[in-house]
Amino acid sequence: MLWLEGISYEEIGAIVGISTKNVSVRLVRI
Protein backbone atom coordinates (compact mmCIF):
# COMPACT_ATOMS: atom_id res chain seq x y z
CA MET A 1 0.00 0.00 0.00
CA LEU A 2 2.83 2.40 0.80
CA TRP A 3 4.50 1.49 -2.50
CA LEU A 4 1.24 2.20 -4.35
CA GLU A 5 1.16 5.60 -2.63
CA GLY A 6 4.53 6.38 -4.25
CA ILE A 7 6.49 6.46 -1.02
CA SER A 8 10.24 5.82 -1.35
CA TYR A 9 11.75 2.49 -0.27
CA GLU A 10 13.72 4.36 2.39
CA GLU A 11 10.62 5.86 3.95
CA ILE A 12 8.67 2.59 3.66
CA GLY A 13 11.50 0.94 5.58
CA ALA A 14 11.38 3.66 8.24
CA ILE A 15 7.60 3.33 8.56
CA VAL A 16 7.45 -0.46 8.88
CA GLY A 17 10.81 -0.91 10.61
CA ILE A 18 12.89 -2.83 8.04
CA SER A 19 15.88 -2.00 5.85
CA THR A 20 15.54 -0.44 2.39
CA LYS A 21 16.97 -3.62 0.82
CA ASN A 22 14.41 -5.72 2.69
CA VAL A 23 11.63 -3.48 1.34
CA SER A 24 12.86 -4.20 -2.18
CA VAL A 25 13.03 -7.95 -1.60
CA ARG A 26 9.60 -8.08 0.05
CA LEU A 27 8.01 -6.10 -2.80
CA VAL A 28 9.34 -8.61 -5.33
CA ARG A 29 7.86 -11.45 -3.25
CA ILE A 30 4.56 -9.63 -2.78
PDB file of all heavy atoms in Angstrom:
ATOM      1  N   MET A   1       0.821  -1.206   0.000  1.00  0.00           N
ATOM      2  CA  MET A   1       0.000   0.000   0.000  1.00  0.00           C
ATOM      3  C   MET A   1       0.859   1.262   0.000  1.00  0.00           C
ATOM      4  O   MET A   1       0.586   2.203  -0.730  1.00  0.00           O
ATOM      5  CB  MET A   1      -0.923  -0.007   1.212  1.00  0.00           C
ATOM      6  CG  MET A   1      -2.030   0.982   1.084  1.00  0.00           C
ATOM      7  SD  MET A   1      -2.576   1.532   2.661  1.00  0.00           S
ATOM      8  CE  MET A   1      -1.146   2.356   3.240  1.00  0.00           C
ATOM      9  N   LEU A   2       1.924   1.252   0.782  1.00  0.00           N
ATOM     10  CA  LEU A   2       2.833   2.398   0.800  1.00  0.00           C
ATOM     11  C   LEU A   2       3.500   2.565  -0.559  1.00  0.00           C
ATOM     12  O   LEU A   2       3.657   3.682  -1.056  1.00  0.00           O
ATOM     13  CB  LEU A   2       3.888   2.229   1.894  1.00  0.00           C
ATOM     14  CG  LEU A   2       3.379   2.375   3.324  1.00  0.00           C
ATOM     15  CD1 LEU A   2       4.414   1.865   4.318  1.00  0.00           C
ATOM     16  CD2 LEU A   2       3.007   3.810   3.617  1.00  0.00           C
ATOM     17  N   TRP A   3       3.879   1.453  -1.174  1.00  0.00           N
ATOM     18  CA  TRP A   3       4.496   1.492  -2.504  1.00  0.00           C
ATOM     19  C   TRP A   3       3.514   2.074  -3.519  1.00  0.00           C
ATOM     20  O   TRP A   3       3.879   2.911  -4.348  1.00  0.00           O
ATOM     21  CB  TRP A   3       4.945   0.083  -2.898  1.00  0.00           C
ATOM     22  CG  TRP A   3       5.525   0.007  -4.262  1.00  0.00           C
ATOM     23  CD1 TRP A   3       6.757   0.431  -4.669  1.00  0.00           C
ATOM     24  CD2 TRP A   3       4.885  -0.517  -5.426  1.00  0.00           C
ATOM     25  NE1 TRP A   3       6.922   0.199  -6.013  1.00  0.00           N
ATOM     26  CE2 TRP A   3       5.785  -0.389  -6.503  1.00  0.00           C
ATOM     27  CE3 TRP A   3       3.644  -1.100  -5.663  1.00  0.00           C
ATOM     28  CZ2 TRP A   3       5.474  -0.810  -7.792  1.00  0.00           C
ATOM     29  CZ3 TRP A   3       3.343  -1.526  -6.939  1.00  0.00           C
ATOM     30  CH2 TRP A   3       4.251  -1.373  -7.986  1.00  0.00           C
ATOM     31  N   LEU A   4       2.256   1.664  -3.446  1.00  0.00           N
ATOM     32  CA  LEU A   4       1.240   2.199  -4.353  1.00  0.00           C
ATOM     33  C   LEU A   4       1.018   3.698  -4.138  1.00  0.00           C
ATOM     34  O   LEU A   4       0.617   4.407  -5.055  1.00  0.00           O
ATOM     35  CB  LEU A   4      -0.089   1.450  -4.198  1.00  0.00           C
ATOM     36  CG  LEU A   4      -0.110   0.027  -4.746  1.00  0.00           C
ATOM     37  CD1 LEU A   4      -1.395  -0.685  -4.319  1.00  0.00           C
ATOM     38  CD2 LEU A   4       0.040   0.012  -6.253  1.00  0.00           C
ATOM     39  N   GLU A   5       1.294   4.169  -2.937  1.00  0.00           N
ATOM     40  CA  GLU A   5       1.164   5.595  -2.626  1.00  0.00           C
ATOM     41  C   GLU A   5       2.356   6.399  -3.150  1.00  0.00           C
ATOM     42  O   GLU A   5       2.394   7.607  -3.033  1.00  0.00           O
ATOM     43  CB  GLU A   5       1.042   5.807  -1.111  1.00  0.00           C
ATOM     44  CG  GLU A   5      -0.301   5.435  -0.548  1.00  0.00           C
ATOM     45  CD  GLU A   5      -1.398   6.387  -0.998  1.00  0.00           C
ATOM     46  OE1 GLU A   5      -1.204   7.617  -0.972  1.00  0.00           O
ATOM     47  OE2 GLU A   5      -2.466   5.875  -1.384  1.00  0.00           O
ATOM     48  N   GLY A   6       3.365   5.696  -3.692  1.00  0.00           N
ATOM     49  CA  GLY A   6       4.525   6.382  -4.252  1.00  0.00           C
ATOM     50  C   GLY A   6       5.573   6.776  -3.222  1.00  0.00           C
ATOM     51  O   GLY A   6       6.419   7.635  -3.478  1.00  0.00           O
ATOM     52  N   ILE A   7       5.532   6.139  -2.075  1.00  0.00           N
ATOM     53  CA  ILE A   7       6.490   6.457  -1.020  1.00  0.00           C
ATOM     54  C   ILE A   7       7.802   5.729  -1.312  1.00  0.00           C
ATOM     55  O   ILE A   7       7.806   4.589  -1.771  1.00  0.00           O
ATOM     56  CB  ILE A   7       5.910   6.065   0.356  1.00  0.00           C
ATOM     57  CG1 ILE A   7       4.691   6.967   0.628  1.00  0.00           C
ATOM     58  CG2 ILE A   7       6.942   6.177   1.462  1.00  0.00           C
ATOM     59  CD1 ILE A   7       3.945   6.664   1.872  1.00  0.00           C
ATOM     60  N   SER A   8       8.921   6.389  -1.048  1.00  0.00           N
ATOM     61  CA  SER A   8      10.242   5.821  -1.346  1.00  0.00           C
ATOM     62  C   SER A   8      10.499   4.578  -0.499  1.00  0.00           C
ATOM     63  O   SER A   8       9.939   4.412   0.590  1.00  0.00           O
ATOM     64  CB  SER A   8      11.339   6.852  -1.072  1.00  0.00           C
ATOM     65  OG  SER A   8      11.492   7.050   0.324  1.00  0.00           O
ATOM     66  N   TYR A   9      11.370   3.709  -1.002  1.00  0.00           N
ATOM     67  CA  TYR A   9      11.746   2.495  -0.269  1.00  0.00           C
ATOM     68  C   TYR A   9      12.334   2.854   1.093  1.00  0.00           C
ATOM     69  O   TYR A   9      12.088   2.171   2.086  1.00  0.00           O
ATOM     70  CB  TYR A   9      12.750   1.671  -1.064  1.00  0.00           C
ATOM     71  CG  TYR A   9      12.179   0.907  -2.246  1.00  0.00           C
ATOM     72  CD1 TYR A   9      10.951   1.225  -2.808  1.00  0.00           C
ATOM     73  CD2 TYR A   9      12.898  -0.138  -2.808  1.00  0.00           C
ATOM     74  CE1 TYR A   9      10.449   0.532  -3.890  1.00  0.00           C
ATOM     75  CE2 TYR A   9      12.406  -0.855  -3.889  1.00  0.00           C
ATOM     76  CZ  TYR A   9      11.174  -0.512  -4.432  1.00  0.00           C
ATOM     77  OH  TYR A   9      10.680  -1.213  -5.496  1.00  0.00           O
ATOM     78  N   GLU A  10      13.110   3.933   1.143  1.00  0.00           N
ATOM     79  CA  GLU A  10      13.720   4.356   2.393  1.00  0.00           C
ATOM     80  C   GLU A  10      12.661   4.703   3.432  1.00  0.00           C
ATOM     81  O   GLU A  10      12.743   4.284   4.591  1.00  0.00           O
ATOM     82  CB  GLU A  10      14.648   5.573   2.178  1.00  0.00           C
ATOM     83  CG  GLU A  10      15.881   5.275   1.366  1.00  0.00           C
ATOM     84  CD  GLU A  10      15.635   5.282  -0.158  1.00  0.00           C
ATOM     85  OE1 GLU A  10      14.589   5.800  -0.616  1.00  0.00           O
ATOM     86  OE2 GLU A  10      16.492   4.743  -0.876  1.00  0.00           O
ATOM     87  N   GLU A  11      11.662   5.464   3.010  1.00  0.00           N
ATOM     88  CA  GLU A  11      10.618   5.862   3.955  1.00  0.00           C
ATOM     89  C   GLU A  11       9.728   4.683   4.311  1.00  0.00           C
ATOM     90  O   GLU A  11       9.299   4.551   5.455  1.00  0.00           O
ATOM     91  CB  GLU A  11       9.789   7.027   3.412  1.00  0.00           C
ATOM     92  CG  GLU A  11       8.914   7.623   4.496  1.00  0.00           C
ATOM     93  CD  GLU A  11       8.330   8.982   4.162  1.00  0.00           C
ATOM     94  OE1 GLU A  11       8.626   9.523   3.087  1.00  0.00           O
ATOM     95  OE2 GLU A  11       7.577   9.488   5.003  1.00  0.00           O
ATOM     96  N   ILE A  12       9.444   3.801   3.351  1.00  0.00           N
ATOM     97  CA  ILE A  12       8.673   2.595   3.658  1.00  0.00           C
ATOM     98  C   ILE A  12       9.399   1.809   4.745  1.00  0.00           C
ATOM     99  O   ILE A  12       8.790   1.374   5.726  1.00  0.00           O
ATOM    100  CB  ILE A  12       8.451   1.720   2.402  1.00  0.00           C
ATOM    101  CG1 ILE A  12       7.529   2.414   1.408  1.00  0.00           C
ATOM    102  CG2 ILE A  12       7.872   0.353   2.799  1.00  0.00           C
ATOM    103  CD1 ILE A  12       7.416   1.722   0.050  1.00  0.00           C
ATOM    104  N   GLY A  13      10.705   1.644   4.574  1.00  0.00           N
ATOM    105  CA  GLY A  13      11.496   0.939   5.578  1.00  0.00           C
ATOM    106  C   GLY A  13      11.401   1.590   6.941  1.00  0.00           C
ATOM    107  O   GLY A  13      11.256   0.914   7.965  1.00  0.00           O
ATOM    108  N   ALA A  14      11.478   2.925   6.971  1.00  0.00           N
ATOM    109  CA  ALA A  14      11.375   3.659   8.241  1.00  0.00           C
ATOM    110  C   ALA A  14      10.003   3.480   8.875  1.00  0.00           C
ATOM    111  O   ALA A  14       9.882   3.347  10.090  1.00  0.00           O
ATOM    112  CB  ALA A  14      11.667   5.141   8.021  1.00  0.00           C
ATOM    113  N   ILE A  15       8.968   3.453   8.045  1.00  0.00           N
ATOM    114  CA  ILE A  15       7.599   3.327   8.561  1.00  0.00           C
ATOM    115  C   ILE A  15       7.360   1.943   9.148  1.00  0.00           C
ATOM    116  O   ILE A  15       6.818   1.811  10.243  1.00  0.00           O
ATOM    117  CB  ILE A  15       6.567   3.643   7.456  1.00  0.00           C
ATOM    118  CG1 ILE A  15       6.619   5.132   7.103  1.00  0.00           C
ATOM    119  CG2 ILE A  15       5.156   3.241   7.890  1.00  0.00           C
ATOM    120  CD1 ILE A  15       5.887   5.501   5.826  1.00  0.00           C
ATOM    121  N   VAL A  16       7.761   0.898   8.427  1.00  0.00           N
ATOM    122  CA  VAL A  16       7.449  -0.464   8.877  1.00  0.00           C
ATOM    123  C   VAL A  16       8.573  -1.101   9.691  1.00  0.00           C
ATOM    124  O   VAL A  16       8.407  -2.178  10.234  1.00  0.00           O
ATOM    125  CB  VAL A  16       7.039  -1.385   7.703  1.00  0.00           C
ATOM    126  CG1 VAL A  16       5.798  -0.861   7.018  1.00  0.00           C
ATOM    127  CG2 VAL A  16       8.176  -1.573   6.706  1.00  0.00           C
ATOM    128  N   GLY A  17       9.738  -0.445   9.753  1.00  0.00           N
ATOM    129  CA  GLY A  17      10.807  -0.913  10.611  1.00  0.00           C
ATOM    130  C   GLY A  17      11.713  -1.979  10.003  1.00  0.00           C
ATOM    131  O   GLY A  17      12.168  -2.871  10.721  1.00  0.00           O
ATOM    132  N   ILE A  18      11.963  -1.899   8.692  1.00  0.00           N
ATOM    133  CA  ILE A  18      12.887  -2.830   8.038  1.00  0.00           C
ATOM    134  C   ILE A  18      13.846  -2.030   7.163  1.00  0.00           C
ATOM    135  O   ILE A  18      13.635  -0.841   6.917  1.00  0.00           O
ATOM    136  CB  ILE A  18      12.147  -3.903   7.200  1.00  0.00           C
ATOM    137  CG1 ILE A  18      11.308  -3.270   6.075  1.00  0.00           C
ATOM    138  CG2 ILE A  18      11.288  -4.793   8.091  1.00  0.00           C
ATOM    139  CD1 ILE A  18      10.642  -4.265   5.131  1.00  0.00           C
ATOM    140  N   SER A  19      14.892  -2.695   6.675  1.00  0.00           N
ATOM    141  CA  SER A  19      15.875  -1.998   5.846  1.00  0.00           C
ATOM    142  C   SER A  19      15.314  -1.722   4.449  1.00  0.00           C
ATOM    143  O   SER A  19      14.354  -2.358   4.004  1.00  0.00           O
ATOM    144  CB  SER A  19      17.141  -2.851   5.708  1.00  0.00           C
ATOM    145  OG  SER A  19      16.893  -3.985   4.894  1.00  0.00           O
ATOM    146  N   THR A  20      15.936  -0.788   3.752  1.00  0.00           N
ATOM    147  CA  THR A  20      15.541  -0.440   2.389  1.00  0.00           C
ATOM    148  C   THR A  20      15.672  -1.664   1.480  1.00  0.00           C
ATOM    149  O   THR A  20      14.784  -1.929   0.657  1.00  0.00           O
ATOM    150  CB  THR A  20      16.421   0.712   1.865  1.00  0.00           C
ATOM    151  OG1 THR A  20      16.288   1.817   2.755  1.00  0.00           O
ATOM    152  CG2 THR A  20      16.023   1.127   0.472  1.00  0.00           C
ATOM    153  N   LYS A  21      16.747  -2.408   1.619  1.00  0.00           N
ATOM    154  CA  LYS A  21      16.966  -3.621   0.822  1.00  0.00           C
ATOM    155  C   LYS A  21      15.862  -4.643   1.082  1.00  0.00           C
ATOM    156  O   LYS A  21      15.345  -5.267   0.155  1.00  0.00           O
ATOM    157  CB  LYS A  21      18.347  -4.223   1.146  1.00  0.00           C
ATOM    158  CG  LYS A  21      18.656  -5.473   0.391  1.00  0.00           C
ATOM    159  CD  LYS A  21      18.863  -5.193  -1.078  1.00  0.00           C
ATOM    160  CE  LYS A  21      19.271  -6.463  -1.800  1.00  0.00           C
ATOM    161  NZ  LYS A  21      19.147  -6.365  -3.225  1.00  0.00           N
ATOM    162  N   ASN A  22      15.471  -4.782   2.334  1.00  0.00           N
ATOM    163  CA  ASN A  22      14.406  -5.718   2.692  1.00  0.00           C
ATOM    164  C   ASN A  22      13.073  -5.284   2.083  1.00  0.00           C
ATOM    165  O   ASN A  22      12.264  -6.122   1.678  1.00  0.00           O
ATOM    166  CB  ASN A  22      14.303  -5.846   4.213  1.00  0.00           C
ATOM    167  CG  ASN A  22      13.659  -7.133   4.657  1.00  0.00           C
ATOM    168  OD1 ASN A  22      12.983  -7.808   3.892  1.00  0.00           O
ATOM    169  ND2 ASN A  22      13.859  -7.466   5.916  1.00  0.00           N
ATOM    170  N   VAL A  23      12.839  -3.985   1.997  1.00  0.00           N
ATOM    171  CA  VAL A  23      11.627  -3.481   1.336  1.00  0.00           C
ATOM    172  C   VAL A  23      11.616  -3.951  -0.110  1.00  0.00           C
ATOM    173  O   VAL A  23      10.606  -4.464  -0.610  1.00  0.00           O
ATOM    174  CB  VAL A  23      11.542  -1.932   1.393  1.00  0.00           C
ATOM    175  CG1 VAL A  23      10.426  -1.408   0.494  1.00  0.00           C
ATOM    176  CG2 VAL A  23      11.339  -1.451   2.820  1.00  0.00           C
ATOM    177  N   SER A  24      12.741  -3.794  -0.780  1.00  0.00           N
ATOM    178  CA  SER A  24      12.859  -4.196  -2.184  1.00  0.00           C
ATOM    179  C   SER A  24      12.585  -5.690  -2.357  1.00  0.00           C
ATOM    180  O   SER A  24      11.803  -6.097  -3.227  1.00  0.00           O
ATOM    181  CB  SER A  24      14.257  -3.849  -2.696  1.00  0.00           C
ATOM    182  OG  SER A  24      14.421  -4.301  -4.008  1.00  0.00           O
ATOM    183  N   VAL A  25      13.203  -6.499  -1.522  1.00  0.00           N
ATOM    184  CA  VAL A  25      13.026  -7.955  -1.600  1.00  0.00           C
ATOM    185  C   VAL A  25      11.574  -8.339  -1.325  1.00  0.00           C
ATOM    186  O   VAL A  25      10.973  -9.146  -2.043  1.00  0.00           O
ATOM    187  CB  VAL A  25      13.981  -8.667  -0.603  1.00  0.00           C
ATOM    188  CG1 VAL A  25      13.659 -10.145  -0.478  1.00  0.00           C
ATOM    189  CG2 VAL A  25      15.427  -8.465  -1.031  1.00  0.00           C
ATOM    190  N   ARG A  26      10.993  -7.740  -0.300  1.00  0.00           N
ATOM    191  CA  ARG A  26       9.602  -8.076   0.054  1.00  0.00           C
ATOM    192  C   ARG A  26       8.642  -7.668  -1.062  1.00  0.00           C
ATOM    193  O   ARG A  26       7.683  -8.379  -1.342  1.00  0.00           O
ATOM    194  CB  ARG A  26       9.221  -7.429   1.375  1.00  0.00           C
ATOM    195  CG  ARG A  26       9.941  -8.123   2.547  1.00  0.00           C
ATOM    196  CD  ARG A  26       9.340  -7.732   3.845  1.00  0.00           C
ATOM    197  NE  ARG A  26       8.096  -8.456   4.055  1.00  0.00           N
ATOM    198  CZ  ARG A  26       7.924  -9.333   5.030  1.00  0.00           C
ATOM    199  NH1 ARG A  26       8.904  -9.624   5.853  1.00  0.00           N
ATOM    200  NH2 ARG A  26       6.757  -9.907   5.200  1.00  0.00           N
ATOM    201  N   LEU A  27       8.887  -6.522  -1.698  1.00  0.00           N
ATOM    202  CA  LEU A  27       8.010  -6.100  -2.796  1.00  0.00           C
ATOM    203  C   LEU A  27       8.067  -7.084  -3.957  1.00  0.00           C
ATOM    204  O   LEU A  27       7.030  -7.383  -4.561  1.00  0.00           O
ATOM    205  CB  LEU A  27       8.364  -4.688  -3.256  1.00  0.00           C
ATOM    206  CG  LEU A  27       7.719  -3.578  -2.455  1.00  0.00           C
ATOM    207  CD1 LEU A  27       8.326  -2.228  -2.824  1.00  0.00           C
ATOM    208  CD2 LEU A  27       6.213  -3.547  -2.654  1.00  0.00           C
ATOM    209  N   VAL A  28       9.230  -7.602  -4.265  1.00  0.00           N
ATOM    210  CA  VAL A  28       9.339  -8.610  -5.326  1.00  0.00           C
ATOM    211  C   VAL A  28       8.509  -9.830  -4.947  1.00  0.00           C
ATOM    212  O   VAL A  28       7.735 -10.351  -5.769  1.00  0.00           O
ATOM    213  CB  VAL A  28      10.817  -8.998  -5.574  1.00  0.00           C
ATOM    214  CG1 VAL A  28      10.924 -10.230  -6.464  1.00  0.00           C
ATOM    215  CG2 VAL A  28      11.576  -7.831  -6.192  1.00  0.00           C
ATOM    216  N   ARG A  29       8.629 -10.282  -3.721  1.00  0.00           N
ATOM    217  CA  ARG A  29       7.862 -11.455  -3.254  1.00  0.00           C
ATOM    218  C   ARG A  29       6.364 -11.179  -3.235  1.00  0.00           C
ATOM    219  O   ARG A  29       5.572 -12.045  -3.593  1.00  0.00           O
ATOM    220  CB  ARG A  29       8.350 -11.877  -1.874  1.00  0.00           C
ATOM    221  CG  ARG A  29       9.742 -12.464  -1.912  1.00  0.00           C
ATOM    222  CD  ARG A  29      10.201 -12.890  -0.542  1.00  0.00           C
ATOM    223  NE  ARG A  29      11.570 -13.372  -0.605  1.00  0.00           N
ATOM    224  CZ  ARG A  29      12.388 -13.435   0.418  1.00  0.00           C
ATOM    225  NH1 ARG A  29      11.981 -13.048   1.613  1.00  0.00           N
ATOM    226  NH2 ARG A  29      13.612 -13.885   0.282  1.00  0.00           N
ATOM    227  N   ILE A  30       5.983 -10.001  -2.816  1.00  0.00           N
ATOM    228  CA  ILE A  30       4.559  -9.632  -2.779  1.00  0.00           C
ATOM    229  C   ILE A  30       3.988  -9.628  -4.189  1.00  0.00           C
ATOM    230  O   ILE A  30       2.886 -10.142  -4.434  1.00  0.00           O
ATOM    231  CB  ILE A  30       4.365  -8.254  -2.101  1.00  0.00           C
ATOM    232  CG1 ILE A  30       4.685  -8.340  -0.602  1.00  0.00           C
ATOM    233  CG2 ILE A  30       2.951  -7.734  -2.317  1.00  0.00           C
ATOM    234  CD1 ILE A  30       4.856  -6.982   0.075  1.00  0.00           C
TER     235      ILE A  30
END
